[in-house]
Amino acid sequence: MSEYKVTVLGAGLAGSEAALWLASQGVQVTLYEQKPVRYSCAHTSEGFAELICSNSLKAERLDSASGLLKAEMRLMGSRLLDAAETARVAAGGALAVDRDQFSAEVTRMVEAEPNITVIREPMETISEDAPILVATGPLTDGSLAEAIAALTGDEKLNFYDAVAPIVTAESLNYDKVFAASRYDRGEADYLNCPFNKAEYEEFHAALVGAERAPVHDFDKPAAEGNVPQKDGGLTVYEGCMPIEVMAGRGADTMRYGPLRPVGLKDPNTGHRPWANVQLRAENKERTLYNIVGFQTNLKFGEQKRVFSMIPGLENAEFVRYGVMHRNTFLNSPHVLTDGLNLREHPNVYFAGQITGFEGYMESAACGLLAARSLYARLTGKQWVAPPMDTMCGALVRYITSPNKDFQPMGANMGILPPLENRPRDKRERYLAVANRAVASFETWEEARKNG
C-alpha cells in the first residue's frame, strides 16, 4: 500500500477527476461526498459528477476553446472524458451526454478504484495535517464555507456572482470605439462606445423588451447588506442591479448611471455623446474587455442581439455572457498559487468552479491540474504550471494573476497569447493557436513525467 494519503472533498467533476488520477498513481484517496446525507439546493441524484444545467460539454473541434481544452485533458489522461464517450448522445459537433448514464459511469469508475475509499457524509472542517483537496463546487455553504472563509479571510470568499459580459478586443469596431478617461484624467484605461440620441433610444427599447432567463431556487440568495428587491423572481441589490432592471426604471436612468457620458468627447463628432458604454480591460494583455455595469439576467441569445446594438460592438465576439446567480468562489488571485493551493496554507488545495474555473469541462480540467500539483508536493518534486500558451495554463494564469475585479472564467481563445504571424481567417487563426497549444502542452506533460 502506498505511503501517500490524500483527502478529497466533493465528488463532482473536479473531485472525481482528481481522485481517479491520484488513485492511478497509487495514492490512497479518501473521498468525501455529502450526498445522500445532504443535498445542495440544486442536486437531486446520489451519483457523482451530477450535471445540473445542461447535458452539453460543448464543442469538440480543435479550433474551438472547448475542443482545445478537451485535447489537453486527454493528454492528461482524463477519465471523465472516457465516461462522456460511454454516455454520448448525438449533438452535432458538440459532446453531449445522457446525464444519468454519465453520472452512473463516473460513480462506477470511482467506486471500482481500490485506492479510493468513499465516505458518504458531509465534511464540515478542513485539517491541514495532511494534503487535502477541496472540490465542493459553486454551491458550497454552511460550516464548510465558514471553514474556507476562516482560512482565506471572509473578504476572500464570494457568495453572489453578478457578472457582466466579456468581448474580445479584436472583434471591436475601432472606427467607433475610442480610448479615453473622463475629463482626460490619468491614462486612457477605458474604451468608450458612444451613442447618439436615436441609437440610445432604440437600444433602450430593445433592452427593456428583451427576454430574461428563468430563475432557479438556488439563484435566490438570502438578503444581506442593503435591502433587496424582487424583480422577475431574482433578488436584486442596488449595488449589482441587472442593466435591464435599471433600463426599466426610465429612459434616462442608465444615462445617469453606468452609461453617463460626462467628461468624454467623441473624436468623430467633437461633442459629448448622448450616452456612453465603457469597456474595461479584463486581462493585462488587453485582449479581453468587460462591458462595465452590464450585469444581466437576459438569456444569452438576447444578450448577443441587444448588446450588439452598442456602437462598436456590432460584430463583437462574446467569450462570456453576463450572469446573475448564487456562486461561491475564492478570490483566487489573492489566495491561490499557480499550484492551486493556498499561499498561507500550502497543504490545502482547491479545484473546480470554486477556484474560478467556470464550466463543466473546465472544472474537470482543474481537478486534473490540482491533482498533479498535489502529487508533485507528495513526491518532493517542484511544480511547474502548464505554459501560458496552453488553455489550461492560460486559465491558471488568469485565476492567479492580480485582478481587483476578479470573476470566474471559462475556456476561450481570448486568454491565449496572440500568434506572431496571425492568419486573417478566424478559423485558421484559432486552429494555429490550438496546434501551438497542443505542442506546448505535450512538451510540458513529458517534462512533468520525467521531472
Protein backbone atom coordinates (compact mmCIF):
# COMPACT_ATOMS: atom_id res chain seq x y z
CA MET A 1 0.00 0.00 0.00
CA SER A 2 1.26 3.49 -0.89
CA GLU A 3 2.60 5.74 1.84
CA TYR A 4 0.85 8.69 0.22
CA LYS A 5 -2.62 9.62 1.52
CA VAL A 6 -4.88 12.45 0.38
CA THR A 7 -8.37 13.62 1.33
CA VAL A 8 -10.65 14.93 -1.42
CA LEU A 9 -13.85 16.82 -0.55
CA GLY A 10 -16.61 16.59 -3.13
CA ALA A 11 -17.34 14.05 -5.85
CA GLY A 12 -18.38 16.47 -8.56
CA LEU A 13 -16.48 16.67 -11.82
CA ALA A 14 -13.32 18.17 -10.31
CA GLY A 15 -13.23 15.94 -7.25
CA SER A 16 -13.94 12.75 -9.19
CA GLU A 17 -11.32 13.53 -11.83
CA ALA A 18 -8.73 14.40 -9.17
CA ALA A 19 -9.45 11.31 -7.07
CA LEU A 20 -9.25 8.98 -10.07
CA TRP A 21 -5.93 10.41 -11.26
CA LEU A 22 -4.33 10.37 -7.80
CA ALA A 23 -5.50 6.79 -7.28
CA SER A 24 -3.95 5.81 -10.62
CA GLN A 25 -0.61 6.99 -9.21
CA GLY A 26 -1.01 4.72 -6.21
CA VAL A 27 -2.15 7.42 -3.79
CA GLN A 28 -4.63 6.31 -1.12
CA VAL A 29 -7.57 8.69 -1.55
CA THR A 30 -10.36 9.26 0.94
CA LEU A 31 -13.20 10.88 -0.99
CA TYR A 32 -15.94 12.61 0.98
CA GLU A 33 -19.31 13.19 -0.69
CA GLN A 34 -22.22 14.65 1.28
CA LYS A 35 -24.95 13.02 -0.83
CA PRO A 36 -27.31 11.36 0.06
CA VAL A 37 -26.99 12.55 3.68
CA ARG A 38 -27.32 16.14 2.50
CA TYR A 39 -28.14 17.69 -0.87
CA SER A 40 -27.44 21.17 -2.12
CA CYS A 41 -30.45 23.10 -3.35
CA ALA A 42 -29.52 22.20 -6.95
CA HIS A 43 -28.69 18.49 -6.72
CA THR A 44 -31.16 15.60 -6.74
CA SER A 45 -29.16 12.46 -7.58
CA GLU A 46 -26.93 10.32 -5.36
CA GLY A 47 -24.49 9.88 -8.27
CA PHE A 48 -21.12 11.55 -8.68
CA ALA A 49 -20.36 14.22 -11.31
CA GLU A 50 -24.03 15.22 -11.49
CA LEU A 51 -24.72 17.67 -14.33
CA ILE A 52 -27.23 20.36 -13.38
CA CYS A 53 -27.84 23.00 -16.02
CA SER A 54 -27.05 21.24 -19.30
CA ASN A 55 -26.05 17.89 -20.75
CA SER A 56 -23.72 19.57 -23.25
CA LEU A 57 -19.98 19.51 -22.66
CA LYS A 58 -19.55 21.90 -25.60
CA ALA A 59 -17.62 21.71 -28.87
CA GLU A 60 -15.02 19.09 -29.76
CA ARG A 61 -13.30 20.59 -32.80
CA LEU A 62 -9.72 21.63 -32.10
CA ASP A 63 -10.17 25.17 -33.43
CA SER A 64 -12.59 25.92 -30.57
CA ALA A 65 -11.69 26.78 -26.99
CA SER A 66 -13.71 23.85 -25.64
CA GLY A 67 -12.16 21.45 -28.12
CA LEU A 68 -8.66 22.59 -27.24
CA LEU A 69 -9.39 22.16 -23.54
CA LYS A 70 -10.54 18.59 -24.17
CA ALA A 71 -7.40 17.86 -26.21
CA GLU A 72 -5.26 18.97 -23.26
CA MET A 73 -7.38 16.92 -20.85
CA ARG A 74 -6.87 13.83 -23.00
CA LEU A 75 -3.13 14.38 -22.81
CA MET A 76 -3.54 14.35 -19.00
CA GLY A 77 -5.46 11.07 -19.15
CA SER A 78 -8.94 12.39 -18.30
CA ARG A 79 -11.20 9.60 -17.07
CA LEU A 80 -14.29 11.78 -17.24
CA LEU A 81 -13.89 12.16 -20.99
CA ASP A 82 -13.92 8.35 -21.14
CA ALA A 83 -17.17 8.39 -19.17
CA ALA A 84 -18.57 11.00 -21.55
CA GLU A 85 -17.83 8.76 -24.54
CA THR A 86 -19.75 5.93 -22.84
CA ALA A 87 -22.73 8.22 -22.23
CA ARG A 88 -22.55 10.19 -25.51
CA VAL A 89 -25.74 11.27 -27.29
CA ALA A 90 -25.94 12.80 -30.77
CA ALA A 91 -25.35 16.58 -30.71
CA GLY A 92 -23.69 17.53 -33.99
CA GLY A 93 -20.20 18.89 -33.36
CA ALA A 94 -20.65 19.06 -29.59
CA LEU A 95 -20.01 16.46 -26.92
CA ALA A 96 -23.33 15.87 -25.17
CA VAL A 97 -24.18 13.07 -22.77
CA ASP A 98 -27.05 11.24 -21.16
CA ARG A 99 -26.79 12.90 -17.75
CA ASP A 100 -27.88 9.88 -15.71
CA GLN A 101 -25.64 7.49 -17.63
CA PHE A 102 -22.66 9.86 -17.38
CA SER A 103 -23.06 10.21 -13.62
CA ALA A 104 -23.56 6.45 -13.21
CA GLU A 105 -20.38 5.72 -15.19
CA VAL A 106 -18.29 8.18 -13.17
CA THR A 107 -19.72 6.72 -9.94
CA ARG A 108 -18.87 3.20 -11.12
CA MET A 109 -15.31 4.23 -12.01
CA VAL A 110 -14.72 5.83 -8.61
CA GLU A 111 -16.28 3.05 -6.55
CA ALA A 112 -14.39 0.39 -8.51
CA GLU A 113 -11.00 2.01 -7.83
CA PRO A 114 -9.27 0.07 -5.00
CA ASN A 115 -7.20 3.12 -3.99
CA ILE A 116 -10.29 5.25 -3.33
CA THR A 117 -12.31 4.99 -0.12
CA VAL A 118 -15.68 6.75 -0.46
CA ILE A 119 -17.26 8.22 2.67
CA ARG A 120 -20.79 9.46 2.12
CA GLU A 121 -21.17 12.13 4.74
CA PRO A 122 -20.58 15.88 4.92
CA MET A 123 -17.17 17.20 5.91
CA GLU A 124 -17.51 20.46 7.82
CA THR A 125 -13.89 21.16 8.78
CA ILE A 126 -10.57 21.35 6.97
CA SER A 127 -7.49 19.77 8.56
CA GLU A 128 -4.05 20.85 7.42
CA ASP A 129 -2.30 17.84 8.98
CA ALA A 130 -2.10 16.18 5.54
CA PRO A 131 -2.77 17.34 1.98
CA ILE A 132 -6.45 17.97 1.32
CA LEU A 133 -8.15 18.93 -1.94
CA VAL A 134 -11.40 20.89 -1.70
CA ALA A 135 -13.64 20.46 -4.74
CA THR A 136 -17.07 21.19 -3.31
CA GLY A 137 -18.36 23.37 -6.10
CA PRO A 138 -20.06 26.75 -6.52
CA LEU A 139 -22.85 25.98 -4.05
CA THR A 140 -20.53 25.36 -1.08
CA ASP A 141 -22.22 26.72 2.03
CA GLY A 142 -22.76 26.16 5.72
CA SER A 143 -19.98 25.10 8.08
CA LEU A 144 -17.61 24.16 5.28
CA ALA A 145 -17.94 27.59 3.67
CA GLU A 146 -17.22 29.11 7.09
CA ALA A 147 -14.13 26.91 7.43
CA ILE A 148 -12.90 28.02 3.99
CA ALA A 149 -13.57 31.66 4.88
CA ALA A 150 -11.58 31.22 8.09
CA LEU A 151 -8.58 30.02 6.07
CA THR A 152 -8.81 32.62 3.31
CA GLY A 153 -10.33 35.61 5.10
CA ASP A 154 -14.04 36.43 4.92
CA GLU A 155 -13.46 39.09 2.28
CA LYS A 156 -11.82 36.50 0.00
CA LEU A 157 -14.94 34.34 -0.40
CA ASN A 158 -17.78 35.50 -2.63
CA PHE A 159 -21.32 34.26 -2.35
CA TYR A 160 -23.06 36.11 -5.17
CA ASP A 161 -21.95 36.18 -8.76
CA ALA A 162 -23.01 39.25 -10.75
CA VAL A 163 -21.02 39.17 -13.95
CA ALA A 164 -21.03 41.46 -16.97
CA PRO A 165 -20.35 40.13 -20.50
CA ILE A 166 -16.81 39.94 -21.85
CA VAL A 167 -15.86 40.52 -25.50
CA THR A 168 -12.62 40.12 -27.46
CA ALA A 169 -10.61 43.22 -28.29
CA GLU A 170 -10.03 42.13 -31.88
CA SER A 171 -13.78 41.98 -32.60
CA LEU A 172 -14.45 45.64 -31.73
CA ASN A 173 -15.11 48.32 -34.35
CA TYR A 174 -12.40 50.89 -33.70
CA ASP A 175 -13.93 53.29 -36.20
CA LYS A 176 -16.48 53.94 -33.44
CA VAL A 177 -14.78 52.86 -30.21
CA PHE A 178 -12.26 55.28 -28.71
CA ALA A 179 -9.89 55.19 -25.74
CA ALA A 180 -10.30 57.91 -23.12
CA SER A 181 -10.70 58.55 -19.41
CA ARG A 182 -13.26 61.02 -18.13
CA TYR A 183 -12.00 64.61 -18.24
CA ASP A 184 -8.68 63.20 -19.58
CA ARG A 185 -7.70 62.28 -16.03
CA GLY A 186 -4.93 59.70 -15.93
CA GLU A 187 -4.28 57.18 -18.66
CA ALA A 188 -6.95 56.16 -21.16
CA ASP A 189 -7.76 52.98 -19.27
CA TYR A 190 -11.21 52.53 -20.81
CA LEU A 191 -12.57 52.04 -24.30
CA ASN A 192 -15.73 54.03 -24.98
CA CYS A 193 -18.75 53.22 -27.11
CA PRO A 194 -20.65 56.48 -27.82
CA PHE A 195 -24.41 56.59 -28.52
CA ASN A 196 -26.25 59.36 -30.31
CA LYS A 197 -29.83 60.04 -29.16
CA ALA A 198 -31.55 57.86 -31.76
CA GLU A 199 -29.17 54.92 -31.22
CA TYR A 200 -29.67 55.11 -27.48
CA GLU A 201 -33.47 55.21 -27.67
CA GLU A 202 -33.51 52.18 -29.96
CA PHE A 203 -31.12 50.32 -27.64
CA HIS A 204 -33.17 51.22 -24.55
CA ALA A 205 -36.37 49.93 -26.11
CA ALA A 206 -34.73 46.65 -27.14
CA LEU A 207 -33.23 46.19 -23.68
CA VAL A 208 -36.50 46.78 -21.84
CA GLY A 209 -38.29 44.29 -24.09
CA ALA A 210 -35.61 41.58 -24.07
CA GLU A 211 -36.38 38.11 -22.70
CA ARG A 212 -34.91 37.20 -19.34
CA ALA A 213 -33.53 33.85 -18.21
CA PRO A 214 -35.57 31.73 -15.77
CA VAL A 215 -34.56 32.00 -12.13
CA HIS A 216 -33.78 28.81 -10.19
CA ASP A 217 -34.35 28.49 -6.47
CA PHE A 218 -30.61 28.24 -5.87
CA ASP A 219 -30.15 31.59 -7.62
CA LYS A 220 -32.17 33.43 -4.96
CA PRO A 221 -29.68 34.48 -2.27
CA ALA A 222 -30.71 35.40 1.22
CA ALA A 223 -30.85 39.10 1.94
CA GLU A 224 -27.60 40.54 3.23
CA GLY A 225 -26.32 44.10 3.40
CA ASN A 226 -28.58 46.53 1.61
CA VAL A 227 -32.27 45.79 1.23
CA PRO A 228 -33.01 43.54 -1.75
CA GLN A 229 -35.95 43.88 -4.10
CA LYS A 230 -37.64 41.21 -6.19
CA ASP A 231 -37.60 41.70 -9.93
CA GLY A 232 -38.75 38.87 -12.16
CA GLY A 233 -38.07 36.39 -9.35
CA LEU A 234 -34.45 37.48 -8.97
CA THR A 235 -33.24 39.06 -5.76
CA VAL A 236 -31.87 42.42 -6.89
CA TYR A 237 -29.39 44.54 -4.93
CA GLU A 238 -28.78 48.18 -5.73
CA GLY A 239 -25.02 47.50 -5.90
CA CYS A 240 -25.32 44.87 -8.65
CA MET A 241 -28.56 45.69 -10.41
CA PRO A 242 -29.20 44.00 -13.77
CA ILE A 243 -28.89 46.52 -16.58
CA GLU A 244 -32.36 45.56 -17.88
CA VAL A 245 -33.89 46.36 -14.46
CA MET A 246 -32.17 49.73 -14.49
CA ALA A 247 -33.46 50.38 -18.01
CA GLY A 248 -36.99 49.58 -16.83
CA ARG A 249 -36.85 52.39 -14.30
CA GLY A 250 -36.87 55.02 -17.01
CA ALA A 251 -35.30 56.08 -20.28
CA ASP A 252 -32.65 58.25 -18.62
CA THR A 253 -31.75 56.05 -15.64
CA MET A 254 -28.81 54.39 -17.41
CA ARG A 255 -27.61 57.77 -18.76
CA TYR A 256 -27.18 58.94 -15.16
CA GLY A 257 -25.65 55.61 -14.14
CA PRO A 258 -23.16 53.34 -15.93
CA LEU A 259 -23.88 54.95 -19.34
CA ARG A 260 -23.23 58.52 -18.20
CA PRO A 261 -21.32 60.44 -20.90
CA VAL A 262 -19.90 63.22 -18.71
CA GLY A 263 -16.25 64.12 -19.15
CA LEU A 264 -15.98 62.45 -22.56
CA LYS A 265 -15.76 63.75 -26.11
CA ASP A 266 -16.41 61.57 -29.15
CA PRO A 267 -13.47 62.22 -31.53
CA ASN A 268 -15.71 61.51 -34.52
CA THR A 269 -18.14 64.32 -33.66
CA GLY A 270 -16.17 66.58 -31.34
CA HIS A 271 -19.12 66.54 -28.91
CA ARG A 272 -20.15 64.71 -25.78
CA PRO A 273 -22.10 61.51 -26.59
CA TRP A 274 -25.77 61.27 -25.67
CA ALA A 275 -24.85 58.15 -23.69
CA ASN A 276 -21.69 56.08 -23.43
CA VAL A 277 -20.82 52.47 -22.62
CA GLN A 278 -17.35 51.87 -21.20
CA LEU A 279 -15.24 48.76 -21.69
CA ARG A 280 -12.60 47.83 -19.11
CA ALA A 281 -9.63 45.56 -19.83
CA GLU A 282 -10.19 42.11 -18.35
CA ASN A 283 -6.57 40.96 -18.57
CA LYS A 284 -3.11 42.53 -18.66
CA GLU A 285 -2.70 41.78 -22.35
CA ARG A 286 -5.90 43.75 -23.11
CA THR A 287 -7.21 41.03 -25.41
CA LEU A 288 -10.49 40.87 -23.47
CA TYR A 289 -12.83 43.66 -22.36
CA ASN A 290 -15.61 43.73 -19.78
CA ILE A 291 -18.78 45.72 -20.55
CA VAL A 292 -18.82 47.91 -17.44
CA GLY A 293 -22.05 47.90 -15.42
CA PHE A 294 -23.80 45.34 -17.61
CA GLN A 295 -24.64 42.69 -15.04
CA THR A 296 -27.64 40.98 -16.55
CA ASN A 297 -30.13 38.16 -16.32
CA LEU A 298 -31.05 38.20 -20.02
CA LYS A 299 -30.96 34.98 -22.00
CA PHE A 300 -27.66 34.51 -23.81
CA GLY A 301 -29.19 34.90 -27.26
CA GLU A 302 -30.84 38.13 -26.17
CA GLN A 303 -27.54 39.45 -24.82
CA LYS A 304 -25.94 38.84 -28.21
CA ARG A 305 -28.81 40.54 -30.03
CA VAL A 306 -29.26 43.56 -27.78
CA PHE A 307 -25.68 44.27 -26.73
CA SER A 308 -24.53 44.10 -30.34
CA MET A 309 -26.59 47.29 -30.78
CA ILE A 310 -23.97 49.16 -28.72
CA PRO A 311 -21.89 51.27 -31.13
CA GLY A 312 -18.64 49.45 -31.84
CA LEU A 313 -19.97 46.07 -30.72
CA GLU A 314 -21.85 45.25 -33.93
CA ASN A 315 -19.63 42.23 -34.59
CA ALA A 316 -18.42 41.64 -31.06
CA GLU A 317 -17.31 38.14 -30.11
CA PHE A 318 -18.67 37.29 -26.67
CA VAL A 319 -16.37 34.94 -24.77
CA ARG A 320 -18.59 35.10 -21.72
CA TYR A 321 -22.18 36.24 -21.32
CA GLY A 322 -23.45 38.02 -18.23
CA VAL A 323 -24.97 36.02 -15.39
CA MET A 324 -26.52 36.76 -12.05
CA HIS A 325 -26.66 33.75 -9.75
CA ARG A 326 -25.54 32.45 -6.45
CA ASN A 327 -21.95 31.27 -6.66
CA THR A 328 -19.33 30.53 -4.01
CA PHE A 329 -15.81 31.12 -5.27
CA LEU A 330 -12.44 32.14 -3.93
CA ASN A 331 -10.79 35.44 -4.68
CA SER A 332 -8.15 33.22 -6.24
CA PRO A 333 -5.66 35.93 -7.33
CA HIS A 334 -5.25 36.84 -3.65
CA VAL A 335 -5.19 33.40 -2.05
CA LEU A 336 -4.09 30.72 -4.56
CA THR A 337 -0.69 29.87 -6.03
CA ASP A 338 -0.39 28.56 -9.59
CA GLY A 339 -0.26 25.13 -7.97
CA LEU A 340 -3.87 25.67 -6.85
CA ASN A 341 -3.05 25.57 -3.14
CA LEU A 342 -3.44 28.36 -0.60
CA ARG A 343 -0.46 30.68 -0.27
CA GLU A 344 -0.74 30.75 3.51
CA HIS A 345 -1.84 27.12 3.95
CA PRO A 346 0.09 25.12 1.34
CA ASN A 347 -1.40 21.74 2.32
CA VAL A 348 -4.88 22.96 1.30
CA TYR A 349 -5.63 22.64 -2.42
CA PHE A 350 -8.71 23.72 -4.35
CA ALA A 351 -10.16 22.50 -7.63
CA GLY A 352 -13.18 23.13 -9.81
CA GLN A 353 -15.57 26.02 -10.04
CA ILE A 354 -14.81 27.22 -6.51
CA THR A 355 -11.44 28.41 -7.89
CA GLY A 356 -12.94 30.44 -10.74
CA PHE A 357 -12.62 27.79 -13.47
CA GLU A 358 -16.07 28.27 -14.99
CA GLY A 359 -17.77 25.33 -16.73
CA TYR A 360 -18.12 21.56 -16.57
CA MET A 361 -15.01 20.59 -18.53
CA GLU A 362 -13.05 23.46 -17.04
CA SER A 363 -13.92 22.11 -13.60
CA ALA A 364 -12.72 18.61 -14.51
CA ALA A 365 -9.50 20.01 -16.04
CA CYS A 366 -8.87 21.97 -12.84
CA GLY A 367 -9.24 18.74 -10.89
CA LEU A 368 -6.55 17.13 -13.01
CA LEU A 369 -4.21 20.10 -12.58
CA ALA A 370 -4.70 20.29 -8.81
CA ALA A 371 -4.13 16.53 -8.52
CA ARG A 372 -0.85 16.78 -10.43
CA SER A 373 0.30 19.71 -8.33
CA LEU A 374 -0.59 17.93 -5.11
CA TYR A 375 1.20 14.76 -6.27
CA ALA A 376 4.33 16.79 -7.03
CA ARG A 377 4.26 18.00 -3.43
CA LEU A 378 3.82 14.45 -2.11
CA THR A 379 6.78 13.17 -4.11
CA GLY A 380 9.06 16.10 -3.38
CA LYS A 381 9.09 17.47 -6.93
CA GLN A 382 8.83 21.08 -7.98
CA TRP A 383 5.50 22.01 -9.55
CA VAL A 384 5.55 23.97 -12.78
CA ALA A 385 2.18 25.12 -14.12
CA PRO A 386 1.35 24.50 -17.80
CA PRO A 387 2.70 27.14 -20.21
CA MET A 388 0.54 30.21 -20.69
CA ASP A 389 0.09 29.42 -24.41
CA THR A 390 -1.98 26.36 -23.44
CA MET A 391 -5.63 26.60 -22.45
CA CYS A 392 -5.05 25.04 -19.02
CA GLY A 393 -2.04 27.27 -18.44
CA ALA A 394 -3.91 30.39 -19.51
CA LEU A 395 -6.81 29.60 -17.17
CA VAL A 396 -4.44 29.00 -14.23
CA ARG A 397 -2.67 32.25 -15.03
CA TYR A 398 -5.99 34.11 -15.26
CA ILE A 399 -7.26 32.98 -11.86
CA THR A 400 -3.94 33.58 -10.07
CA SER A 401 -2.88 36.91 -11.61
CA PRO A 402 -3.68 40.22 -9.84
CA ASN A 403 -7.21 41.31 -10.70
CA LYS A 404 -9.17 43.65 -8.44
CA ASP A 405 -12.43 42.78 -10.23
CA PHE A 406 -11.86 39.01 -10.40
CA GLN A 407 -14.71 36.87 -11.71
CA PRO A 408 -14.79 33.22 -12.84
CA MET A 409 -13.72 32.48 -16.41
CA GLY A 410 -14.28 29.61 -18.82
CA ALA A 411 -12.13 28.42 -21.70
CA ASN A 412 -11.90 30.95 -24.51
CA MET A 413 -9.37 31.83 -27.18
CA GLY A 414 -9.10 35.41 -25.94
CA ILE A 415 -6.99 34.48 -22.90
CA LEU A 416 -4.30 32.85 -25.06
CA PRO A 417 -1.35 34.97 -26.28
CA PRO A 418 -1.66 36.05 -29.94
CA LEU A 419 0.36 34.50 -32.73
CA GLU A 420 3.33 36.38 -34.14
CA ASN A 421 2.15 35.77 -37.71
CA ARG A 422 -1.61 35.88 -37.45
CA PRO A 423 -3.79 34.35 -40.21
CA ARG A 424 -6.59 36.70 -41.23
CA ASP A 425 -9.20 33.93 -41.30
CA LYS A 426 -10.50 33.41 -37.76
CA ARG A 427 -10.89 29.66 -38.01
CA GLU A 428 -7.37 29.26 -39.44
CA ARG A 429 -6.07 31.56 -36.70
CA TYR A 430 -7.78 29.57 -33.94
CA LEU A 431 -6.53 26.29 -35.38
CA ALA A 432 -2.97 27.64 -35.44
CA VAL A 433 -3.32 28.80 -31.83
CA ALA A 434 -4.69 25.38 -30.85
CA ASN A 435 -1.91 23.47 -32.62
CA ARG A 436 0.66 25.63 -30.84
CA ALA A 437 -1.08 24.92 -27.53
CA VAL A 438 -1.19 21.15 -28.05
CA ALA A 439 2.51 21.03 -28.96
CA SER A 440 3.37 23.15 -25.92
CA PHE A 441 1.21 21.01 -23.65
CA GLU A 442 2.78 17.78 -24.93
CA THR A 443 6.23 19.18 -24.10
CA TRP A 444 5.06 20.23 -20.63
CA GLU A 445 3.45 16.87 -19.88
CA GLU A 446 6.55 14.98 -21.00
CA ALA A 447 8.75 17.19 -18.81
CA ARG A 448 6.42 16.67 -15.86
CA LYS A 449 6.59 12.87 -16.24
CA ASN A 450 10.38 12.92 -16.45
CA GLY A 451 10.96 15.66 -13.89
